[in-house]
PDB file of N, CA and C in Angstrom:
ATOM      1  N   MET A   1      57.893 121.683 129.934  1.00  0.00           N
ATOM      2  CA  MET A   1      56.647 121.295 129.321  1.00  0.00           C
ATOM      3  C   MET A   1      56.509 119.771 129.434  1.00  0.00           C
ATOM      4  N   LYS A   2      55.367 119.322 129.870  1.00  0.00           N
ATOM      5  CA  LYS A   2      55.093 117.889 130.012  1.00  0.00           C
ATOM      6  C   LYS A   2      54.761 117.273 128.658  1.00  0.00           C
ATOM      7  N   ARG A   3      55.280 116.059 128.453  1.00  0.00           N
ATOM      8  CA  ARG A   3      55.057 115.335 127.208  1.00  0.00           C
ATOM      9  C   ARG A   3      54.037 114.217 127.416  1.00  0.00           C
ATOM     10  N   VAL A   4      53.066 114.152 126.516  1.00  0.00           N
ATOM     11  CA  VAL A   4      52.006 113.155 126.553  1.00  0.00           C
ATOM     12  C   VAL A   4      52.071 112.335 125.277  1.00  0.00           C
ATOM     13  N   LEU A   5      52.013 111.023 125.430  1.00  0.00           N
ATOM     14  CA  LEU A   5      51.899 110.120 124.290  1.00  0.00           C
ATOM     15  C   LEU A   5      50.492 109.545 124.305  1.00  0.00           C
ATOM     16  N   ILE A   6      49.770 109.725 123.199  1.00  0.00           N
ATOM     17  CA  ILE A   6      48.397 109.222 123.094  1.00  0.00           C
ATOM     18  C   ILE A   6      48.374 108.145 122.016  1.00  0.00           C
ATOM     19  N   VAL A   7      47.854 106.968 122.372  1.00  0.00           N
ATOM     20  CA  VAL A   7      47.752 105.850 121.434  1.00  0.00           C
ATOM     21  C   VAL A   7      46.275 105.511 121.257  1.00  0.00           C
ATOM     22  N   ASP A   8      45.798 105.664 120.022  1.00  0.00           N
ATOM     23  CA  ASP A   8      44.386 105.407 119.731  1.00  0.00           C
ATOM     24  C   ASP A   8      44.241 105.161 118.235  1.00  0.00           C
ATOM     25  N   ALA A   9      43.421 104.217 117.838  1.00  0.00           N
ATOM     26  CA  ALA A   9      43.202 103.913 116.422  1.00  0.00           C
ATOM     27  C   ALA A   9      42.366 104.980 115.723  1.00  0.00           C
ATOM     28  N   ASP A  10      41.629 105.763 116.471  1.00  0.00           N
ATOM     29  CA  ASP A  10      40.746 106.793 115.920  1.00  0.00           C
ATOM     30  C   ASP A  10      41.552 108.080 115.682  1.00  0.00           C
ATOM     31  N   THR A  11      41.960 108.309 114.437  1.00  0.00           N
ATOM     32  CA  THR A  11      42.817 109.454 114.130  1.00  0.00           C
ATOM     33  C   THR A  11      42.109 110.791 114.346  1.00  0.00           C
ATOM     34  N   GLU A  12      40.804 110.825 114.164  1.00  0.00           N
ATOM     35  CA  GLU A  12      40.050 112.055 114.412  1.00  0.00           C
ATOM     36  C   GLU A  12      40.072 112.398 115.905  1.00  0.00           C
ATOM     37  N   PHE A  13      39.890 111.398 116.749  1.00  0.00           N
ATOM     38  CA  PHE A  13      39.961 111.611 118.192  1.00  0.00           C
ATOM     39  C   PHE A  13      41.370 112.068 118.589  1.00  0.00           C
ATOM     40  N   LEU A  14      42.398 111.421 118.013  1.00  0.00           N
ATOM     41  CA  LEU A  14      43.788 111.802 118.306  1.00  0.00           C
ATOM     42  C   LEU A  14      44.032 113.268 117.983  1.00  0.00           C
ATOM     43  N   SER A  15      43.577 113.692 116.827  1.00  0.00           N
ATOM     44  CA  SER A  15      43.782 115.069 116.398  1.00  0.00           C
ATOM     45  C   SER A  15      43.093 116.058 117.348  1.00  0.00           C
ATOM     46  N   GLY A  16      41.864 115.758 117.711  1.00  0.00           N
ATOM     47  CA  GLY A  16      41.118 116.635 118.612  1.00  0.00           C
ATOM     48  C   GLY A  16      41.735 116.724 119.993  1.00  0.00           C
ATOM     49  N   LEU A  17      42.146 115.574 120.532  1.00  0.00           N
ATOM     50  CA  LEU A  17      42.747 115.568 121.863  1.00  0.00           C
ATOM     51  C   LEU A  17      44.107 116.255 121.845  1.00  0.00           C
ATOM     52  N   LYS A  18      44.868 116.059 120.778  1.00  0.00           N
ATOM     53  CA  LYS A  18      46.161 116.730 120.654  1.00  0.00           C
ATOM     54  C   LYS A  18      45.982 118.243 120.627  1.00  0.00           C
ATOM     55  N   THR A  19      45.014 118.716 119.859  1.00  0.00           N
ATOM     56  CA  THR A  19      44.741 120.150 119.795  1.00  0.00           C
ATOM     57  C   THR A  19      44.365 120.698 121.163  1.00  0.00           C
ATOM     58  N   LYS A  20      43.512 119.988 121.857  1.00  0.00           N
ATOM     59  CA  LYS A  20      43.048 120.442 123.172  1.00  0.00           C
ATOM     60  C   LYS A  20      44.201 120.484 124.182  1.00  0.00           C
ATOM     61  N   LEU A  21      44.984 119.413 124.248  1.00  0.00           N
ATOM     62  CA  LEU A  21      46.083 119.362 125.218  1.00  0.00           C
ATOM     63  C   LEU A  21      47.184 120.363 124.887  1.00  0.00           C
ATOM     64  N   THR A  22      47.398 120.612 123.617  1.00  0.00           N
ATOM     65  CA  THR A  22      48.409 121.595 123.209  1.00  0.00           C
ATOM     66  C   THR A  22      48.041 122.986 123.704  1.00  0.00           C
ATOM     67  N   THR A  23      46.753 123.302 123.707  1.00  0.00           N
ATOM     68  CA  THR A  23      46.331 124.621 124.197  1.00  0.00           C
ATOM     69  C   THR A  23      46.604 124.774 125.696  1.00  0.00           C
ATOM     70  N   TYR A  24      46.778 123.662 126.402  1.00  0.00           N
ATOM     71  CA  TYR A  24      47.119 123.694 127.828  1.00  0.00           C
ATOM     72  C   TYR A  24      48.621 123.484 128.049  1.00  0.00           C
ATOM     73  N   ASN A  25      49.406 123.750 127.001  1.00  0.00           N
ATOM     74  CA  ASN A  25      50.870 123.720 127.059  1.00  0.00           C
ATOM     75  C   ASN A  25      51.470 122.340 127.292  1.00  0.00           C
ATOM     76  N   PHE A  26      50.821 121.299 126.791  1.00  0.00           N
ATOM     77  CA  PHE A  26      51.411 119.969 126.780  1.00  0.00           C
ATOM     78  C   PHE A  26      52.064 119.743 125.422  1.00  0.00           C
ATOM     79  N   GLU A  27      53.186 119.047 125.411  1.00  0.00           N
ATOM     80  CA  GLU A  27      53.789 118.593 124.173  1.00  0.00           C
ATOM     81  C   GLU A  27      53.181 117.220 123.902  1.00  0.00           C
ATOM     82  N   VAL A  28      52.527 117.064 122.764  1.00  0.00           N
ATOM     83  CA  VAL A  28      51.741 115.863 122.506  1.00  0.00           C
ATOM     84  C   VAL A  28      52.265 115.110 121.288  1.00  0.00           C
ATOM     85  N   GLU A  29      52.490 113.820 121.474  1.00  0.00           N
ATOM     86  CA  GLU A  29      52.806 112.906 120.382  1.00  0.00           C
ATOM     87  C   GLU A  29      51.650 111.910 120.293  1.00  0.00           C
ATOM     88  N   THR A  30      51.306 111.524 119.075  1.00  0.00           N
ATOM     89  CA  THR A  30      50.207 110.586 118.888  1.00  0.00           C
ATOM     90  C   THR A  30      50.660 109.405 118.046  1.00  0.00           C
ATOM     91  N   ALA A  31      49.978 108.291 118.232  1.00  0.00           N
ATOM     92  CA  ALA A  31      50.213 107.094 117.432  1.00  0.00           C
ATOM     93  C   ALA A  31      48.885 106.392 117.236  1.00  0.00           C
ATOM     94  N   SER A  32      48.592 106.042 115.986  1.00  0.00           N
ATOM     95  CA  SER A  32      47.334 105.344 115.721  1.00  0.00           C
ATOM     96  C   SER A  32      47.528 103.832 115.676  1.00  0.00           C
ATOM     97  N   ASP A  33      48.768 103.411 115.578  1.00  0.00           N
ATOM     98  CA  ASP A  33      49.062 101.982 115.542  1.00  0.00           C
ATOM     99  C   ASP A  33      50.432 101.772 116.166  1.00  0.00           C
ATOM    100  N   VAL A  34      50.570 100.783 116.984  1.00  0.00           N
ATOM    101  CA  VAL A  34      51.828 100.556 117.690  1.00  0.00           C
ATOM    102  C   VAL A  34      52.283  99.117 117.491  1.00  0.00           C
ATOM    103  N   GLU A  35      53.363  98.953 116.775  1.00  0.00           N
ATOM    104  CA  GLU A  35      53.955  97.622 116.647  1.00  0.00           C
ATOM    105  C   GLU A  35      54.930  97.379 117.785  1.00  0.00           C
ATOM    106  N   ASN A  36      55.718  98.392 118.115  1.00  0.00           N
ATOM    107  CA  ASN A  36      56.689  98.265 119.191  1.00  0.00           C
ATOM    108  C   ASN A  36      56.551  99.462 120.128  1.00  0.00           C
ATOM    109  N   ILE A  37      55.827  99.273 121.212  1.00  0.00           N
ATOM    110  CA  ILE A  37      55.555 100.365 122.141  1.00  0.00           C
ATOM    111  C   ILE A  37      56.838 100.928 122.742  1.00  0.00           C
ATOM    112  N   PHE A  38      57.828 100.091 122.966  1.00  0.00           N
ATOM    113  CA  PHE A  38      59.052 100.566 123.609  1.00  0.00           C
ATOM    114  C   PHE A  38      59.868 101.463 122.686  1.00  0.00           C
ATOM    115  N   GLU A  39      59.898 101.162 121.428  1.00  0.00           N
ATOM    116  CA  GLU A  39      60.566 102.032 120.464  1.00  0.00           C
ATOM    117  C   GLU A  39      59.897 103.405 120.439  1.00  0.00           C
ATOM    118  N   LEU A  40      58.573 103.410 120.476  1.00  0.00           N
ATOM    119  CA  LEU A  40      57.821 104.660 120.498  1.00  0.00           C
ATOM    120  C   LEU A  40      58.085 105.436 121.791  1.00  0.00           C
ATOM    121  N   ILE A  41      58.111 104.746 122.910  1.00  0.00           N
ATOM    122  CA  ILE A  41      58.371 105.399 124.201  1.00  0.00           C
ATOM    123  C   ILE A  41      59.778 105.997 124.216  1.00  0.00           C
ATOM    124  N   TYR A  42      60.764 105.241 123.788  1.00  0.00           N
ATOM    125  CA  TYR A  42      62.138 105.738 123.803  1.00  0.00           C
ATOM    126  C   TYR A  42      62.308 106.918 122.852  1.00  0.00           C
ATOM    127  N   HIS A  43      61.565 106.911 121.755  1.00  0.00           N
ATOM    128  CA  HIS A  43      61.656 108.001 120.783  1.00  0.00           C
ATOM    129  C   HIS A  43      60.979 109.276 121.295  1.00  0.00           C
ATOM    130  N   THR A  44      59.823 109.148 121.956  1.00  0.00           N
ATOM    131  CA  THR A  44      59.050 110.321 122.378  1.00  0.00           C
ATOM    132  C   THR A  44      59.339 110.762 123.804  1.00  0.00           C
ATOM    133  N   ASP A  45      59.858 109.851 124.646  1.00  0.00           N
ATOM    134  CA  ASP A  45      60.176 110.143 126.050  1.00  0.00           C
ATOM    135  C   ASP A  45      59.022 110.850 126.780  1.00  0.00           C
ATOM    136  N   PRO A  46      57.842 110.215 126.820  1.00  0.00           N
ATOM    137  CA  PRO A  46      56.676 110.867 127.425  1.00  0.00           C
ATOM    138  C   PRO A  46      56.734 110.867 128.954  1.00  0.00           C
ATOM    139  N   ASP A  47      55.997 111.812 129.535  1.00  0.00           N
ATOM    140  CA  ASP A  47      55.808 111.854 130.986  1.00  0.00           C
ATOM    141  C   ASP A  47      54.600 111.018 131.393  1.00  0.00           C
ATOM    142  N   ILE A  48      53.697 110.794 130.445  1.00  0.00           N
ATOM    143  CA  ILE A  48      52.485 110.005 130.683  1.00  0.00           C
ATOM    144  C   ILE A  48      51.992 109.447 129.346  1.00  0.00           C
ATOM    145  N   ILE A  49      51.317 108.307 129.421  1.00  0.00           N
ATOM    146  CA  ILE A  49      50.740 107.690 128.226  1.00  0.00           C
ATOM    147  C   ILE A  49      49.240 107.530 128.417  1.00  0.00           C
ATOM    148  N   LEU A  50      48.487 107.958 127.418  1.00  0.00           N
ATOM    149  CA  LEU A  50      47.049 107.708 127.355  1.00  0.00           C
ATOM    150  C   LEU A  50      46.858 106.678 126.261  1.00  0.00           C
ATOM    151  N   VAL A  51      46.260 105.550 126.592  1.00  0.00           N
ATOM    152  CA  VAL A  51      46.108 104.490 125.596  1.00  0.00           C
ATOM    153  C   VAL A  51      44.660 104.007 125.572  1.00  0.00           C
ATOM    154  N   ASN A  52      44.098 103.964 124.368  1.00  0.00           N
ATOM    155  CA  ASN A  52      42.743 103.464 124.213  1.00  0.00           C
ATOM    156  C   ASN A  52      42.746 101.944 124.364  1.00  0.00           C
ATOM    157  N   TYR A  53      41.682 101.409 124.887  1.00  0.00           N
ATOM    158  CA  TYR A  53      41.594  99.963 125.046  1.00  0.00           C
ATOM    159  C   TYR A  53      41.514  99.261 123.693  1.00  0.00           C
ATOM    160  N   ILE A  54      40.726  99.813 122.766  1.00  0.00           N
ATOM    161  CA  ILE A  54      40.539  99.204 121.449  1.00  0.00           C
ATOM    162  C   ILE A  54      41.544  99.811 120.473  1.00  0.00           C
ATOM    163  N   LEU A  55      42.408  98.962 119.924  1.00  0.00           N
ATOM    164  CA  LEU A  55      43.402  99.389 118.941  1.00  0.00           C
ATOM    165  C   LEU A  55      43.301  98.490 117.717  1.00  0.00           C
ATOM    166  N   ASN A  56      43.929  98.901 116.626  1.00  0.00           N
ATOM    167  CA  ASN A  56      43.920  98.076 115.413  1.00  0.00           C
ATOM    168  C   ASN A  56      44.636  96.751 115.640  1.00  0.00           C
ATOM    169  N   GLU A  57      45.765  96.805 116.308  1.00  0.00           N
ATOM    170  CA  GLU A  57      46.559  95.613 116.601  1.00  0.00           C
ATOM    171  C   GLU A  57      46.616  95.450 118.115  1.00  0.00           C
ATOM    172  N   GLY A  58      45.988  94.435 118.652  1.00  0.00           N
ATOM    173  CA  GLY A  58      46.005  94.217 120.101  1.00  0.00           C
ATOM    174  C   GLY A  58      45.048  95.138 120.828  1.00  0.00           C
ATOM    175  N   ASN A  59      45.363  95.367 122.099  1.00  0.00           N
ATOM    176  CA  ASN A  59      44.535  96.274 122.882  1.00  0.00           C
ATOM    177  C   ASN A  59      45.393  97.036 123.878  1.00  0.00           C
ATOM    178  N   GLY A  60      44.825  98.105 124.399  1.00  0.00           N
ATOM    179  CA  GLY A  60      45.538  98.957 125.339  1.00  0.00           C
ATOM    180  C   GLY A  60      45.901  98.255 126.632  1.00  0.00           C
ATOM    181  N   GLY A  61      45.136  97.252 127.014  1.00  0.00           N
ATOM    182  CA  GLY A  61      45.451  96.492 128.226  1.00  0.00           C
ATOM    183  C   GLY A  61      46.762  95.745 128.084  1.00  0.00           C
ATOM    184  N   THR A  62      46.955  95.121 126.939  1.00  0.00           N
ATOM    185  CA  THR A  62      48.197  94.400 126.678  1.00  0.00           C
ATOM    186  C   THR A  62      49.384  95.357 126.653  1.00  0.00           C
ATOM    187  N   ILE A  63      49.214  96.499 125.993  1.00  0.00           N
ATOM    188  CA  ILE A  63      50.279  97.496 125.939  1.00  0.00           C
ATOM    189  C   ILE A  63      50.612  98.003 127.338  1.00  0.00           C
ATOM    190  N   SER A  64      49.590  98.304 128.119  1.00  0.00           N
ATOM    191  CA  SER A  64      49.810  98.775 129.493  1.00  0.00           C
ATOM    192  C   SER A  64      50.572  97.735 130.312  1.00  0.00           C
ATOM    193  N   HIS A  65      50.177  96.494 130.173  1.00  0.00           N
ATOM    194  CA  HIS A  65      50.847  95.410 130.896  1.00  0.00           C
ATOM    195  C   HIS A  65      52.321  95.310 130.493  1.00  0.00           C
ATOM    196  N   GLN A  66      52.611  95.424 129.213  1.00  0.00           N
ATOM    197  CA  GLN A  66      53.997  95.379 128.740  1.00  0.00           C
ATOM    198  C   GLN A  66      54.814  96.524 129.332  1.00  0.00           C
ATOM    199  N   ILE A  67      54.234  97.709 129.362  1.00  0.00           N
ATOM    200  CA  ILE A  67      54.927  98.883 129.910  1.00  0.00           C
ATOM    201  C   ILE A  67      55.214  98.682 131.389  1.00  0.00           C
ATOM    202  N   LYS A  68      54.238  98.204 132.121  1.00  0.00           N
ATOM    203  CA  LYS A  68      54.374  98.057 133.567  1.00  0.00           C
ATOM    204  C   LYS A  68      55.287  96.894 133.964  1.00  0.00           C
ATOM    205  N   CYS A  69      55.473  95.910 133.087  1.00  0.00           N
ATOM    206  CA  CYS A  69      56.354  94.779 133.383  1.00  0.00           C
ATOM    207  C   CYS A  69      57.807  95.032 132.993  1.00  0.00           C
ATOM    208  N   ASN A  70      58.057  96.085 132.238  1.00  0.00           N
ATOM    209  CA  ASN A  70      59.414  96.397 131.801  1.00  0.00           C
ATOM    210  C   ASN A  70      60.100  97.267 132.857  1.00  0.00           C
ATOM    211  N   PRO A  71      61.273  96.859 133.354  1.00  0.00           N
ATOM    212  CA  PRO A  71      61.961  97.635 134.402  1.00  0.00           C
ATOM    213  C   PRO A  71      62.297  99.069 133.976  1.00  0.00           C
ATOM    214  N   ASP A  72      62.478  99.303 132.669  1.00  0.00           N
ATOM    215  CA  ASP A  72      62.809 100.648 132.196  1.00  0.00           C
ATOM    216  C   ASP A  72      61.606 101.585 132.152  1.00  0.00           C
ATOM    217  N   THR A  73      60.404 101.028 132.102  1.00  0.00           N
ATOM    218  CA  THR A  73      59.212 101.868 131.924  1.00  0.00           C
ATOM    219  C   THR A  73      58.142 101.662 132.999  1.00  0.00           C
ATOM    220  N   HIS A  74      58.386 100.803 133.978  1.00  0.00           N
ATOM    221  CA  HIS A  74      57.321 100.453 134.929  1.00  0.00           C
ATOM    222  C   HIS A  74      56.819 101.634 135.765  1.00  0.00           C
ATOM    223  N   ASP A  75      57.616 102.695 135.886  1.00  0.00           N
ATOM    224  CA  ASP A  75      57.173 103.869 136.647  1.00  0.00           C
ATOM    225  C   ASP A  75      56.423 104.890 135.799  1.00  0.00           C
ATOM    226  N   LEU A  76      56.357 104.665 134.504  1.00  0.00           N
ATOM    227  CA  LEU A  76      55.678 105.585 133.598  1.00  0.00           C
ATOM    228  C   LEU A  76      54.165 105.492 133.794  1.00  0.00           C
ATOM    229  N   PRO A  77      53.508 106.602 134.123  1.00  0.00           N
ATOM    230  CA  PRO A  77      52.053 106.560 134.310  1.00  0.00           C
ATOM    231  C   PRO A  77      51.323 106.235 133.009  1.00  0.00           C
ATOM    232  N   VAL A  78      50.365 105.313 133.112  1.00  0.00           N
ATOM    233  CA  VAL A  78      49.557 104.900 131.962  1.00  0.00           C
ATOM    234  C   VAL A  78      48.086 105.028 132.347  1.00  0.00           C
ATOM    235  N   ILE A  79      47.337 105.731 131.515  1.00  0.00           N
ATOM    236  CA  ILE A  79      45.896 105.871 131.719  1.00  0.00           C
ATOM    237  C   ILE A  79      45.191 105.215 130.548  1.00  0.00           C
ATOM    238  N   MET A  80      44.332 104.262 130.848  1.00  0.00           N
ATOM    239  CA  MET A  80      43.557 103.587 129.807  1.00  0.00           C
ATOM    240  C   MET A  80      42.304 104.401 129.511  1.00  0.00           C
ATOM    241  N   MET A  81      42.001 104.530 128.220  1.00  0.00           N
ATOM    242  CA  MET A  81      40.800 105.235 127.789  1.00  0.00           C
ATOM    243  C   MET A  81      39.871 104.250 127.093  1.00  0.00           C
ATOM    244  N   SER A  82      38.589 104.481 127.231  1.00  0.00           N
ATOM    245  CA  SER A  82      37.623 103.670 126.504  1.00  0.00           C
ATOM    246  C   SER A  82      36.267 104.355 126.532  1.00  0.00           C
ATOM    247  N   ASP A  83      35.451 104.051 125.543  1.00  0.00           N
ATOM    248  CA  ASP A  83      34.072 104.530 125.583  1.00  0.00           C
ATOM    249  C   ASP A  83      33.126 103.418 126.021  1.00  0.00           C
ATOM    250  N   TYR A  84      33.698 102.294 126.434  1.00  0.00           N
ATOM    251  CA  TYR A  84      32.910 101.186 126.977  1.00  0.00           C
ATOM    252  C   TYR A  84      32.919 101.268 128.501  1.00  0.00           C
ATOM    253  N   THR A  85      31.774 101.555 129.078  1.00  0.00           N
ATOM    254  CA  THR A  85      31.707 101.718 130.534  1.00  0.00           C
ATOM    255  C   THR A  85      31.953 100.411 131.274  1.00  0.00           C
ATOM    256  N   ASP A  86      31.694  99.282 130.642  1.00  0.00           N
ATOM    257  CA  ASP A  86      31.888  98.009 131.334  1.00  0.00           C
ATOM    258  C   ASP A  86      33.368  97.632 131.478  1.00  0.00           C
ATOM    259  N   LEU A  87      34.263  98.387 130.853  1.00  0.00           N
ATOM    260  CA  LEU A  87      35.700  98.133 130.995  1.00  0.00           C
ATOM    261  C   LEU A  87      36.325  98.914 132.144  1.00  0.00           C
ATOM    262  N   CYS A  88      35.549  99.762 132.779  1.00  0.00           N
ATOM    263  CA  CYS A  88      36.121 100.645 133.791  1.00  0.00           C
ATOM    264  C   CYS A  88      36.709  99.885 134.973  1.00  0.00           C
ATOM    265  N   HIS A  89      36.340  98.642 135.173  1.00  0.00           N
ATOM    266  CA  HIS A  89      36.892  97.873 136.289  1.00  0.00           C
ATOM    267  C   HIS A  89      38.151  97.098 135.900  1.00  0.00           C
ATOM    268  N   LEU A  90      38.522  97.088 134.629  1.00  0.00           N
ATOM    269  CA  LEU A  90      39.658  96.298 134.157  1.00  0.00           C
ATOM    270  C   LEU A  90      41.006  97.017 134.220  1.00  0.00           C
ATOM    271  N   TRP A  91      41.012  98.327 134.335  1.00  0.00           N
ATOM    272  CA  TRP A  91      42.274  99.058 134.223  1.00  0.00           C
ATOM    273  C   TRP A  91      43.314  98.617 135.242  1.00  0.00           C
ATOM    274  N   LYS A  92      42.905  98.302 136.448  1.00  0.00           N
ATOM    275  CA  LYS A  92      43.861  97.849 137.460  1.00  0.00           C
ATOM    276  C   LYS A  92      44.463  96.494 137.094  1.00  0.00           C
ATOM    277  N   LYS A  93      43.683  95.650 136.465  1.00  0.00           N
ATOM    278  CA  LYS A  93      44.155  94.328 136.050  1.00  0.00           C
ATOM    279  C   LYS A  93      45.356  94.431 135.114  1.00  0.00           C
ATOM    280  N   PHE A  94      45.386  95.485 134.303  1.00  0.00           N
ATOM    281  CA  PHE A  94      46.463  95.678 133.338  1.00  0.00           C
ATOM    282  C   PHE A  94      47.609  96.522 133.884  1.00  0.00           C
ATOM    283  N   GLY A  95      47.502  96.973 135.122  1.00  0.00           N
ATOM    284  CA  GLY A  95      48.562  97.767 135.728  1.00  0.00           C
ATOM    285  C   GLY A  95      48.457  99.252 135.467  1.00  0.00           C
ATOM    286  N   CYS A  96      47.377  99.693 134.847  1.00  0.00           N
ATOM    287  CA  CYS A  96      47.214 101.118 134.555  1.00  0.00           C
ATOM    288  C   CYS A  96      47.115 101.922 135.853  1.00  0.00           C
ATOM    289  N   ASN A  97      47.514 103.169 135.763  1.00  0.00           N
ATOM    290  CA  ASN A  97      47.415 104.056 136.913  1.00  0.00           C
ATOM    291  C   ASN A  97      46.014 104.615 137.098  1.00  0.00           C
ATOM    292  N   ASP A  98      45.268 104.679 135.997  1.00  0.00           N
ATOM    293  CA  ASP A  98      43.903 105.193 136.084  1.00  0.00           C
ATOM    294  C   ASP A  98      43.168 104.859 134.794  1.00  0.00           C
ATOM    295  N   TYR A  99      41.903 105.240 134.760  1.00  0.00           N
ATOM    296  CA  TYR A  99      41.023 104.950 133.634  1.00  0.00           C
ATOM    297  C   TYR A  99      40.168 106.183 133.391  1.00  0.00           C
ATOM    298  N   MET A 100      39.898 106.466 132.134  1.00  0.00           N
ATOM    299  CA  MET A 100      38.972 107.567 131.840  1.00  0.00           C
ATOM    300  C   MET A 100      38.051 107.173 130.682  1.00  0.00           C
ATOM    301  N   LEU A 101      36.820 107.614 130.794  1.00  0.00           N
ATOM    302  CA  LEU A 101      35.853 107.403 129.711  1.00  0.00           C
ATOM    303  C   LEU A 101      36.121 108.401 128.616  1.00  0.00           C
ATOM    304  N   LYS A 102      36.102 107.942 127.381  1.00  0.00           N
ATOM    305  CA  LYS A 102      36.240 108.842 126.254  1.00  0.00           C
ATOM    306  C   LYS A 102      34.911 109.567 126.049  1.00  0.00           C
ATOM    307  N   PRO A 103      34.989 110.819 125.652  1.00  0.00           N
ATOM    308  CA  PRO A 103      33.743 111.557 125.399  1.00  0.00           C
ATOM    309  C   PRO A 103      33.017 111.023 124.172  1.00  0.00           C
TER     310      PRO A 103
END
């Protein structure tokens, strides 16, 4: 079973996405606030990370950049999420593997 880590400040969105992905046989961990992304990654051991651009502390771009610059996690796929269409060109700047618009 593939493990997904979703980071988003919107707890209602987290709950809905977790429910949806679970029905497709994904093991899903969620976080609404991340002080230490690496501690969370080591604890959950995800196969992929979905991170919203807008977070309570910092932003998903900074988190993605930290993940991609760390030799232990640089191969971990990271997808940036946002409901701002004007951010769709920024995901590569942060090292993300892809970008998706939030519904």
